[in-house]
Amino acid sequence: MKEFSRNRRVGEQIQRELADIISKEIRHPDLGMITISAADVSPDLKFARIYVTVLAGKLDNKQTVEYLNVEVKRIRHALSKRLTIRVTPRLQFVYDGSTEYGNRLSALIDSTKS
């Protein structure tokens, strides 16, 4: 149980720090507002899958995730300066479609009411 809570704490810290790093240090004119919706960290803390959502950018979701994965070394380096753990996890950015899916379901439910 202790390992799980440590993973969750590290994941939450990574989520907070990445949100700050991406909003302040990643500059690209076509990027929209990027939100870090979750960070799943492996049990050994060597790998983290980062789930992102994107709003109002010129790049589509796939292009935004590709851009973040191209910039992953720079992002990971900035993250390593902020974390207090010995090894900074390798990062993989993934689009989180759950919000979009929830909105579609909500719209379907609303359409049946009228």
Protein backbone atom coordinates (compact mmCIF):
# COMPACT_ATOMS: atom_id res chain seq x y z
CA MET A 1 0.00 0.00 0.00
CA LYS A 2 2.84 2.39 0.78
CA GLU A 3 4.31 2.02 -2.73
CA PHE A 4 0.93 2.90 -4.27
CA SER A 5 0.56 6.08 -2.25
CA ARG A 6 4.12 7.13 -3.13
CA ASN A 7 3.41 6.56 -6.83
CA ARG A 8 0.25 8.62 -6.55
CA ARG A 9 2.07 11.44 -4.73
CA VAL A 10 4.88 11.46 -7.31
CA GLY A 11 2.31 11.38 -10.13
CA GLU A 12 0.44 14.34 -8.64
CA GLN A 13 3.67 16.30 -8.23
CA ILE A 14 4.70 15.53 -11.81
CA GLN A 15 1.25 16.62 -13.00
CA ARG A 16 1.51 19.98 -11.17
CA GLU A 17 5.09 20.65 -12.27
CA LEU A 18 4.47 19.72 -15.91
CA ALA A 19 1.43 22.00 -16.05
CA ASP A 20 3.64 24.86 -14.90
CA ILE A 21 6.56 23.95 -17.19
CA ILE A 22 4.38 23.61 -20.29
CA SER A 23 2.49 26.84 -19.66
CA LYS A 24 5.65 28.89 -18.98
CA GLU A 25 8.51 27.31 -20.92
CA ILE A 26 7.08 25.64 -24.02
CA ARG A 27 6.59 28.28 -26.69
CA HIS A 28 4.94 27.46 -29.98
CA PRO A 29 2.58 29.88 -31.76
CA ASP A 30 0.16 27.13 -32.85
CA LEU A 31 -0.25 25.39 -29.49
CA GLY A 32 -3.51 25.86 -27.69
CA MET A 33 -4.12 25.63 -23.98
CA ILE A 34 -2.69 22.31 -22.80
CA THR A 35 -4.04 20.72 -19.64
CA ILE A 36 -2.35 17.83 -17.88
CA SER A 37 -5.28 15.64 -16.87
CA ALA A 38 -3.30 12.78 -15.29
CA ALA A 39 0.16 11.33 -14.78
CA ASP A 40 0.44 7.56 -14.40
CA VAL A 41 3.80 6.59 -12.93
CA SER A 42 5.18 3.05 -13.12
CA PRO A 43 5.80 1.22 -9.83
CA ASP A 44 9.59 1.67 -10.15
CA LEU A 45 9.14 5.42 -10.91
CA LYS A 46 11.18 5.13 -14.12
CA PHE A 47 8.36 5.79 -16.57
CA ALA A 48 5.37 8.15 -16.61
CA ARG A 49 2.53 8.36 -19.08
CA ILE A 50 1.18 11.90 -19.17
CA TYR A 51 -2.40 12.44 -20.32
CA VAL A 52 -3.15 15.81 -21.91
CA THR A 53 -6.17 17.65 -23.27
CA VAL A 54 -5.93 20.52 -25.72
CA LEU A 55 -8.15 23.55 -26.23
CA ALA A 56 -8.26 26.11 -29.03
CA GLY A 57 -4.96 25.51 -30.80
CA LYS A 58 -4.14 25.65 -34.49
CA LEU A 59 -2.60 22.19 -34.19
CA ASP A 60 -4.96 19.26 -33.74
CA ASN A 61 -4.72 16.92 -30.76
CA LYS A 62 -2.44 14.43 -32.49
CA GLN A 63 -0.03 17.14 -33.68
CA THR A 64 0.09 18.71 -30.22
CA VAL A 65 0.94 15.38 -28.58
CA GLU A 66 3.58 14.73 -31.26
CA TYR A 67 5.10 18.16 -30.58
CA LEU A 68 5.24 17.49 -26.82
CA ASN A 69 6.90 14.13 -27.45
CA VAL A 70 9.49 15.82 -29.70
CA GLU A 71 10.19 18.32 -26.89
CA VAL A 72 10.20 15.60 -24.22
CA LYS A 73 13.95 15.82 -23.49
CA ARG A 74 13.73 19.53 -22.78
CA ILE A 75 10.56 19.08 -20.69
CA ARG A 76 12.09 16.19 -18.74
CA HIS A 77 15.22 18.24 -18.05
CA ALA A 78 13.13 21.11 -16.65
CA LEU A 79 11.14 18.59 -14.60
CA SER A 80 14.31 17.03 -13.16
CA LYS A 81 15.28 20.40 -11.67
CA ARG A 82 11.98 20.54 -9.76
CA LEU A 83 11.59 16.98 -8.48
CA THR A 84 13.24 15.71 -5.33
CA ILE A 85 13.38 12.06 -6.42
CA ARG A 86 16.65 10.49 -7.54
CA VAL A 87 15.64 9.50 -11.07
CA THR A 88 13.30 11.57 -13.22
CA PRO A 89 10.86 9.28 -15.04
CA ARG A 90 10.94 9.00 -18.82
CA LEU A 91 7.86 10.79 -20.12
CA GLN A 92 5.38 9.82 -22.80
CA PHE A 93 2.59 12.24 -23.68
CA VAL A 94 -0.78 10.77 -24.67
CA TYR A 95 -4.01 12.51 -25.69
CA ASP A 96 -6.78 12.09 -23.11
CA GLY A 97 -10.03 11.71 -25.00
CA SER A 98 -12.17 11.05 -21.91
CA THR A 99 -13.41 14.65 -21.68
CA GLU A 100 -14.46 14.63 -25.32
CA TYR A 101 -16.15 11.26 -24.84
CA GLY A 102 -18.00 12.55 -21.77
CA ASN A 103 -19.19 15.63 -23.67
CA ARG A 104 -20.51 13.43 -26.50
CA LEU A 105 -22.38 11.20 -24.04
CA SER A 106 -23.83 14.22 -22.29
CA ALA A 107 -25.01 15.66 -25.62
CA LEU A 108 -26.63 12.32 -26.51
CA ILE A 109 -28.43 12.20 -23.17
CA ASP A 110 -29.60 15.79 -23.57
CA SER A 111 -30.88 15.08 -27.10
CA THR A 112 -33.11 12.25 -25.81
CA LYS A 113 -34.76 14.57 -23.26
CA SER A 114 -36.20 16.95 -25.86
